[in-house]
Protein backbone atom coordinates (compact mmCIF):
# COMPACT_ATOMS: atom_id res chain seq x y z
CA UNK A 1 -34.59 3.77 -40.38
CA UNK A 2 -35.45 7.11 -38.77
CA UNK A 3 -38.23 5.52 -36.66
CA UNK A 4 -35.74 2.88 -35.47
CA UNK A 5 -33.30 5.57 -34.36
CA UNK A 6 -36.07 7.48 -32.57
CA UNK A 7 -37.18 4.33 -30.72
CA UNK A 8 -33.58 3.67 -29.67
CA UNK A 9 -33.19 7.21 -28.35
CA UNK A 10 -36.53 6.91 -26.54
CA UNK A 11 -35.47 3.68 -24.81
CA UNK A 12 -32.18 5.26 -23.77
CA UNK A 13 -33.99 8.33 -22.46
CA UNK A 14 -36.40 6.19 -20.44
CA UNK A 15 -33.53 4.22 -18.97
CA UNK A 16 -31.67 7.30 -17.72
CA UNK A 17 -34.50 9.75 -17.08
CA UNK A 18 -37.46 7.56 -16.11
CA UNK A 19 -39.61 8.50 -13.12
CA UNK A 20 -39.67 4.84 -12.10
CA UNK A 21 -37.86 4.33 -8.77
CA UNK A 22 -34.70 2.27 -9.01
CA UNK A 23 -32.86 0.68 -6.08
CA UNK A 24 -30.01 2.77 -4.74
CA UNK A 25 -26.73 1.09 -5.59
CA UNK A 26 -24.06 1.08 -2.93
CA UNK A 27 -21.27 -1.27 -1.99
CA UNK A 28 -20.25 0.29 1.31
CA UNK A 29 -21.94 0.73 4.65
CA UNK A 30 -20.63 4.30 4.93
CA UNK A 31 -22.91 5.31 2.03
CA UNK A 32 -26.09 3.70 3.39
CA UNK A 33 -25.65 2.77 7.09
CA UNK A 34 -26.73 -0.78 7.78
CA UNK A 35 -28.58 0.31 10.93
CA UNK A 36 -31.13 2.09 8.73
CA UNK A 37 -31.11 -0.41 5.85
CA UNK A 38 -34.06 -2.84 5.98
CA UNK A 39 -32.08 -5.49 4.10
CA UNK A 40 -29.68 -5.90 7.04
CA UNK A 41 -32.16 -6.09 9.91
CA UNK A 42 -32.11 -9.87 10.37
CA UNK A 43 -28.43 -10.38 9.53
CA UNK A 44 -26.13 -11.64 12.28
CA UNK A 45 -23.31 -9.07 12.45
CA UNK A 46 -21.46 -10.64 15.38
CA UNK A 47 -17.77 -10.74 14.57
CA UNK A 48 -15.17 -13.25 15.67
CA UNK A 49 -12.83 -11.32 17.97
CA UNK A 50 -9.14 -11.81 18.55
CA UNK A 51 -6.66 -9.85 20.62
CA UNK A 52 -2.98 -9.04 20.25
CA UNK A 53 -0.51 -6.75 21.92
CA UNK A 54 0.25 -4.91 18.67
CA UNK A 55 -1.67 -4.95 15.38
CA UNK A 56 0.09 -3.47 12.35
CA UNK A 57 -2.01 -2.48 9.35
CA UNK A 58 0.04 -2.93 6.18
CA UNK A 59 2.73 -5.45 5.32
CA UNK A 60 5.00 -3.11 3.39
CA UNK A 61 8.56 -2.00 4.24
CA UNK A 62 7.45 0.22 7.15
CA UNK A 63 5.01 -2.21 8.73
CA UNK A 64 7.34 -5.20 8.52
CA UNK A 65 10.34 -3.20 9.75
CA UNK A 66 8.29 -2.08 12.75
CA UNK A 67 7.23 -5.67 13.46
CA UNK A 68 10.82 -6.91 13.25
CA UNK A 69 12.14 -4.19 15.54
CA UNK A 70 9.39 -4.78 18.10
CA UNK A 71 10.18 -8.50 18.22
CA UNK A 72 13.89 -7.73 18.57
CA UNK A 73 13.10 -5.43 21.51
CA UNK A 74 10.91 -8.13 23.07
CA UNK A 75 13.75 -10.64 22.85
CA UNK A 76 16.22 -8.17 24.32
CA UNK A 77 13.92 -7.41 27.27
CA UNK A 78 12.68 -10.99 27.76
CA UNK A 79 9.12 -10.12 26.77
CA UNK A 80 6.62 -12.11 24.72
CA UNK A 81 4.31 -9.73 22.87
CA UNK A 82 1.91 -11.02 20.27
CA UNK A 83 2.43 -8.93 17.12
CA UNK A 84 0.10 -9.33 14.12
CA UNK A 85 0.40 -7.81 10.64
CA UNK A 86 -2.64 -7.65 8.35
CA UNK A 87 -1.91 -7.22 4.64
CA UNK A 88 -4.46 -6.81 1.84
CA UNK A 89 -2.35 -8.52 -0.86
CA UNK A 90 -2.74 -12.28 -1.26
CA UNK A 91 0.96 -12.68 -0.45
CA UNK A 92 3.51 -10.43 1.22
CA UNK A 93 5.00 -8.10 -1.37
CA UNK A 94 2.23 -8.81 -3.87
CA UNK A 95 1.24 -5.15 -4.25
CA UNK A 96 4.78 -3.74 -4.20
CA UNK A 97 5.58 -3.26 -7.88
CA UNK A 98 8.34 -0.65 -7.77
CA UNK A 99 11.87 -1.16 -8.87
CA UNK A 100 14.17 0.77 -6.57
CA UNK A 101 17.71 1.75 -5.74
CA UNK A 102 18.16 0.91 -2.06
CA UNK A 103 20.46 2.79 0.31
CA UNK A 104 21.18 0.19 2.98
CA UNK A 105 21.69 2.26 6.14
CA UNK A 106 18.21 1.42 7.45
CA UNK A 107 18.70 -2.27 6.68
CA UNK A 108 22.11 -2.21 8.40
CA UNK A 109 20.44 -0.91 11.56
CA UNK A 110 17.46 -3.27 11.39
CA UNK A 111 19.29 -6.48 10.46
CA UNK A 112 23.04 -5.90 10.91
CA UNK A 113 23.91 -9.39 9.64
CA UNK A 114 21.78 -9.18 6.46
CA UNK A 115 24.78 -9.48 4.12
CA UNK A 116 25.41 -12.99 5.44
CA UNK A 117 21.79 -14.03 4.80
CA UNK A 118 20.15 -15.22 1.59
CA UNK A 119 18.93 -11.69 0.79
CA UNK A 120 17.42 -10.33 -2.47
CA UNK A 121 19.91 -7.46 -2.88
CA UNK A 122 21.95 -9.11 -5.62
CA UNK A 123 22.89 -6.19 -7.89
CA UNK A 124 25.10 -3.41 -6.47
CA UNK A 125 25.21 -0.14 -8.40
CA UNK A 126 28.44 -0.10 -10.39
CA UNK A 127 27.82 2.68 -12.94
CA UNK A 128 25.95 5.99 -12.59
CA UNK A 129 25.23 8.14 -15.64
CA UNK A 130 23.61 11.58 -15.75
CA UNK A 131 22.57 13.29 -18.98
CA UNK A 132 20.51 16.12 -20.44
CA UNK A 133 18.38 14.84 -23.32
CA UNK A 134 17.36 16.71 -26.46
CA UNK A 135 15.04 15.49 -29.19
CA UNK A 136 18.02 14.32 -31.23
CA UNK A 137 20.77 13.55 -28.72
CA UNK A 138 22.18 13.82 -25.21
CA UNK A 139 24.77 15.78 -23.26
CA UNK A 140 26.50 13.85 -20.50
CA UNK A 141 26.84 15.64 -17.15
CA UNK A 142 29.51 14.61 -14.64
CA UNK A 143 28.27 13.32 -11.28
CA UNK A 144 30.29 15.17 -8.67
CA UNK A 145 30.83 13.96 -5.09
CA UNK A 146 27.79 14.79 -2.98
CA UNK A 147 25.34 14.68 -5.89
CA UNK A 148 22.20 12.67 -4.99
CA UNK A 149 22.68 10.74 -8.24
CA UNK A 150 25.79 9.08 -6.82
CA UNK A 151 24.50 5.60 -5.94
CA UNK A 152 27.73 3.69 -5.41
CA UNK A 153 27.26 1.38 -2.43
CA UNK A 154 23.53 1.11 -3.09
CA UNK A 155 21.63 -1.82 -4.60
CA UNK A 156 19.17 -2.21 -7.48
CA UNK A 157 16.23 -4.33 -6.36
CA UNK A 158 12.61 -5.11 -7.04
CA UNK A 159 11.00 -3.80 -3.88
CA UNK A 160 8.45 -6.62 -3.83
CA UNK A 161 11.26 -9.16 -3.42
CA UNK A 162 12.74 -7.17 -0.54
CA UNK A 163 9.36 -6.94 1.20
CA UNK A 164 8.76 -10.67 0.80
CA UNK A 165 12.16 -11.33 2.37
CA UNK A 166 11.41 -8.94 5.24
CA UNK A 167 8.20 -10.89 5.82
CA UNK A 168 10.21 -14.11 6.12
CA UNK A 169 12.54 -12.49 8.67
CA UNK A 170 9.56 -11.22 10.66
CA UNK A 171 7.91 -14.65 10.76
CA UNK A 172 11.15 -16.26 11.92
CA UNK A 173 11.06 -13.87 14.88
CA UNK A 174 7.50 -14.90 15.70
CA UNK A 175 5.47 -12.18 13.99
CA UNK A 176 2.06 -13.37 12.76
CA UNK A 177 1.36 -12.18 9.21
CA UNK A 178 -2.10 -12.48 7.66
CA UNK A 179 -2.03 -11.83 3.89
CA UNK A 180 -5.31 -11.46 2.04
CA UNK A 181 -6.83 -9.70 5.08
CA UNK A 182 -7.52 -6.07 4.28
CA UNK A 183 -8.28 -3.87 7.28
CA UNK A 184 -11.60 -2.25 6.37
CA UNK A 185 -12.73 -0.47 9.54
CA UNK A 186 -11.23 1.20 12.60
CA UNK A 187 -12.69 0.06 15.92
CA UNK A 188 -12.89 2.46 18.87
CA UNK A 189 -13.22 2.25 22.64
CA UNK A 190 -16.08 4.07 24.33
CA UNK A 191 -13.70 6.93 25.15
CA UNK A 192 -12.90 7.40 21.45
CA UNK A 193 -9.43 5.87 21.47
CA UNK A 194 -8.48 3.27 18.87
CA UNK A 195 -9.32 -0.28 19.92
CA UNK A 196 -8.15 -2.10 16.80
CA UNK A 197 -9.38 -2.86 13.29
CA UNK A 198 -11.87 -5.11 11.55
CA UNK A 199 -11.17 -6.97 8.33
CA UNK A 200 -13.55 -6.69 5.39
CA UNK A 201 -16.91 -8.43 5.25
CA UNK A 202 -17.47 -10.97 2.47
CA UNK A 203 -20.61 -12.04 0.64
CA UNK A 204 -22.08 -8.62 -0.23
CA UNK A 205 -24.00 -8.10 -3.49
CA UNK A 206 -23.34 -5.20 -5.86
CA UNK A 207 -26.39 -3.34 -4.55
CA UNK A 208 -25.03 -3.48 -1.00
CA UNK A 209 -27.36 -6.23 0.23
CA UNK A 210 -26.15 -9.36 2.06
CA UNK A 211 -25.85 -12.59 0.09
CA UNK A 212 -26.59 -15.99 1.59
CA UNK A 213 -22.82 -16.43 1.83
CA UNK A 214 -22.32 -13.28 3.92
CA UNK A 215 -19.68 -13.47 6.64
CA UNK A 216 -18.69 -10.51 8.81
CA UNK A 217 -15.02 -9.64 9.03
CA UNK A 218 -12.86 -10.43 12.05
CA UNK A 219 -12.26 -7.89 14.80
CA UNK A 220 -8.63 -7.54 15.88
CA UNK A 221 -8.22 -5.71 19.19
CA UNK A 222 -4.83 -4.51 20.38
CA UNK A 223 -3.16 -2.46 23.07
CA UNK A 224 -1.40 -0.61 20.23
CA UNK A 225 -2.56 -0.35 16.61
CA UNK A 226 0.04 0.86 14.13
CA UNK A 227 -1.15 2.12 10.75
CA UNK A 228 1.49 1.56 8.06
CA UNK A 229 -0.76 1.50 5.00
CA UNK A 230 1.06 4.09 2.90
CA UNK A 231 0.84 7.84 2.38
CA UNK A 232 -2.77 7.67 1.13
CA UNK A 233 -4.11 4.87 3.31
CA UNK A 234 -7.90 5.09 3.63
CA UNK A 235 -7.93 4.28 7.35
CA UNK A 236 -5.11 6.72 8.04
CA UNK A 237 -7.09 9.47 6.32
CA UNK A 238 -10.05 8.71 8.60
CA UNK A 239 -7.79 9.06 11.64
CA UNK A 240 -6.40 12.33 10.31
CA UNK A 241 -9.93 13.70 10.11
CA UNK A 242 -11.18 12.31 13.44
CA UNK A 243 -8.18 13.47 15.48
CA UNK A 244 -7.33 16.59 13.40
CA UNK A 245 -3.85 15.23 12.71
CA UNK A 246 -3.36 17.44 9.65
CA UNK A 247 -4.33 20.71 11.33
CA UNK A 248 -1.66 23.43 11.34
CA UNK A 249 0.90 21.30 9.54
CA UNK A 250 2.46 21.56 6.10
CA UNK A 251 0.40 19.86 3.38
CA UNK A 252 1.61 16.52 2.12
CA UNK A 253 3.25 16.64 -1.29
CA UNK A 254 3.37 13.85 -3.83
CA UNK A 255 5.39 13.03 -6.90
CA UNK A 256 4.08 11.16 -9.91
CA UNK A 257 6.34 8.38 -11.11
CA UNK A 258 5.93 6.47 -14.35
CA UNK A 259 7.23 2.91 -14.39
CA UNK A 260 8.18 1.24 -17.65
CA UNK A 261 9.62 -2.19 -18.32
CA UNK A 262 11.73 -2.41 -21.45
CA UNK A 263 12.76 -5.63 -23.12
CA UNK A 264 16.21 -5.16 -24.64
CA UNK A 265 18.77 -7.45 -26.29
CA UNK A 266 20.92 -9.26 -23.75
CA UNK A 267 24.11 -7.70 -25.14
CA UNK A 268 22.79 -4.23 -24.27
CA UNK A 269 22.04 -5.12 -20.66
CA UNK A 270 24.56 -3.79 -18.14
CA UNK A 271 23.94 -5.08 -14.59
CA UNK A 272 24.49 -2.34 -12.02
CA UNK A 273 23.90 0.57 -14.43
CA UNK A 274 21.69 3.47 -13.26
CA UNK A 275 20.79 6.19 -15.78
CA UNK A 276 19.58 9.64 -14.65
CA UNK A 277 18.16 11.98 -17.30
CA UNK A 278 16.50 15.38 -17.55
CA UNK A 279 15.34 17.39 -20.54
CA UNK A 280 13.39 16.02 -23.49
CA UNK A 281 10.50 15.31 -23.66
CA UNK A 282 9.93 17.54 -20.59
CA UNK A 283 11.35 20.61 -22.27
CA UNK A 284 10.39 23.14 -19.58
CA UNK A 285 12.61 23.12 -16.49
CA UNK A 286 9.60 24.23 -14.41
CA UNK A 287 8.25 20.68 -14.86
CA UNK A 288 10.99 19.46 -12.50
CA UNK A 289 10.08 21.88 -9.70
C-alpha cells in the first residue's frame, strides 16, 4: 500500500516538476504573437473587409440607443449613413440578465411614442416599501417625497426584454445588427487613430495553434467607431491605456449586486411591488458606504 502511494506521488511530481519541455499553452495572440510563432507562418491571415459609416461595439442599452438616435438624425437631415452594431451574444439581449426598475425619461426622449407601441414595460410600480431588517423582524420606514426609493411612475422590467425590443426598433430604422459577432481586436490607421474593429477568429486549438477549420475574423472599418461594451469592456480598457484616457481623472467605482430569483406561491405575488431593505444580515452600516 505504501509503495503504491509513493509511486502515485512520484508520478504527480514528475508531471508538475519534470525537466521535460512541454508546449506553451496559450489561446490568445497577445500572449504569443503570431508573427513569431512558427505554427502560424503558412496560415492565410487575410481578412474579409467591410466598411460602414459608424460601427458600434456592443448591443446593450447604450449601443442600441446610440444607433437609434443616429438613424433618427440621419432621417431628419436627409442622410443615409450605414450604421452597424456588433454584439457578442447569440441574440440581442441574450447577455442582459438583470431585472430593473426603469425610469422612463431617457426612453421618452429617444422614442416619444413608445407607450403606443408593443413595448415590454408592462408592470408599473404601484407599491414601494422600505424597511430595516433585524434577525427576527423588520421596522418599516416611511418613504418621504424626494427619497430615491420612490419609484412611482417607473416600470419593473427584465432588462433583456427591453434591449431585445430596442434592437427591433433599431432594425426598423435601418440599423444593421450582427449578433454572435464579438469584437476581438481594435484596428488602427497608420497615424494611430482608430480604424475599426475585427471580429474573433475561429478554428483555434487550445494550445493556440490553427486548426484545419481556421477562419480569420472580419475587419469592420468605419469613419466613427463607438465602444459601448460596458464599464469593464476589454477593448475599452485597451483604449484607456493607449490614449491615457484614465489619467488625472477620478477612479471608476463599482458596486456588487447579487441577483436572486425566488419562486413563491401565486397568492403572495403582488405585481408592481418594490421592496427596499437595509440591516440584517449586513449588520454594520459601514457596509452600505
